[in-house]
Amino acid sequence: MKKLIADCTTGEVYERDFTNAELKQYEKNQIKWEAEKAEAETKAQAKAVLLERLGITEDEAKLLLA
């Protein structure tokens, strides 16, 4: 995997391979982001089910909670 580096002081832009540490951190971040995305999707689905069960729209729910 490559890393793009831009040096703003010299204007130089170049690519280099990830170090082992950077690659491991990238993989950890990917796992974390995927878990966060799945959690957000689960919450959105639960919210949609609840709104449907209550028979109200999201805007109506916002008005009730305001």
Protein backbone atom coordinates (compact mmCIF):
# COMPACT_ATOMS: atom_id res chain seq x y z
CA MET A 1 0.00 0.00 0.00
CA LYS A 2 1.29 3.45 -0.87
CA LYS A 3 1.23 6.68 1.13
CA LEU A 4 1.08 10.03 -0.67
CA ILE A 5 3.20 12.69 0.98
CA ALA A 6 3.02 16.38 0.11
CA ASP A 7 5.69 18.68 1.54
CA CYS A 8 4.09 22.13 1.59
CA THR A 9 7.34 23.93 2.28
CA THR A 10 9.14 22.54 -0.78
CA GLY A 11 6.14 21.75 -2.97
CA GLU A 12 7.45 18.21 -3.39
CA VAL A 13 4.90 15.39 -3.68
CA TYR A 14 5.93 11.74 -3.60
CA GLU A 15 4.69 8.26 -2.74
CA ARG A 16 6.22 5.66 -0.49
CA ASP A 17 5.19 2.29 0.87
CA PHE A 18 3.51 2.09 4.27
CA THR A 19 5.76 0.97 7.07
CA ASN A 20 4.69 -2.16 8.95
CA ALA A 21 3.47 -0.01 11.86
CA GLU A 22 1.45 2.25 9.53
CA LEU A 23 -0.10 -0.75 7.79
CA LYS A 24 -1.11 -2.34 11.11
CA GLN A 25 -2.65 0.96 12.27
CA TYR A 26 -4.49 1.34 8.97
CA GLU A 27 -5.94 -2.16 9.34
CA LYS A 28 -7.02 -1.43 12.93
CA ASN A 29 -8.67 1.80 11.78
CA GLN A 30 -10.51 -0.04 8.99
CA ILE A 31 -11.92 -2.55 11.48
CA LYS A 32 -12.98 0.27 13.83
CA TRP A 33 -14.62 2.27 11.03
CA GLU A 34 -16.51 -0.78 9.77
CA ALA A 35 -17.81 -1.48 13.29
CA GLU A 36 -18.91 2.15 13.70
CA LYS A 37 -20.63 2.06 10.31
CA ALA A 38 -22.48 -1.16 11.21
CA GLU A 39 -23.55 0.32 14.55
CA ALA A 40 -24.86 3.47 12.86
CA GLU A 41 -26.81 1.40 10.33
CA THR A 42 -28.31 -0.72 13.11
CA LYS A 43 -29.39 2.39 15.02
CA ALA A 44 -30.90 3.93 11.87
CA GLN A 45 -32.88 0.75 11.19
CA ALA A 46 -34.13 0.61 14.78
CA LYS A 47 -35.16 4.26 14.57
CA ALA A 48 -37.05 3.65 11.32
CA VAL A 49 -38.87 0.67 12.84
CA LEU A 50 -39.84 2.68 15.91
CA LEU A 51 -41.11 5.62 13.86
CA GLU A 52 -43.15 3.26 11.70
CA ARG A 53 -44.56 1.54 14.78
CA LEU A 54 -45.54 4.93 16.21
CA GLY A 55 -46.99 5.99 12.87
CA ILE A 56 -45.06 9.28 12.72
CA THR A 57 -42.46 10.78 10.46
CA GLU A 58 -38.95 11.76 11.48
CA ASP A 59 -39.94 15.44 11.28
CA GLU A 60 -42.90 14.84 13.57
CA ALA A 61 -40.64 13.05 16.06
CA LYS A 62 -38.25 16.03 16.00
CA LEU A 63 -41.17 18.37 16.77
CA LEU A 64 -42.21 16.20 19.71
CA LEU A 65 -38.68 16.21 21.12
CA ALA A 66 -38.06 19.92 20.57
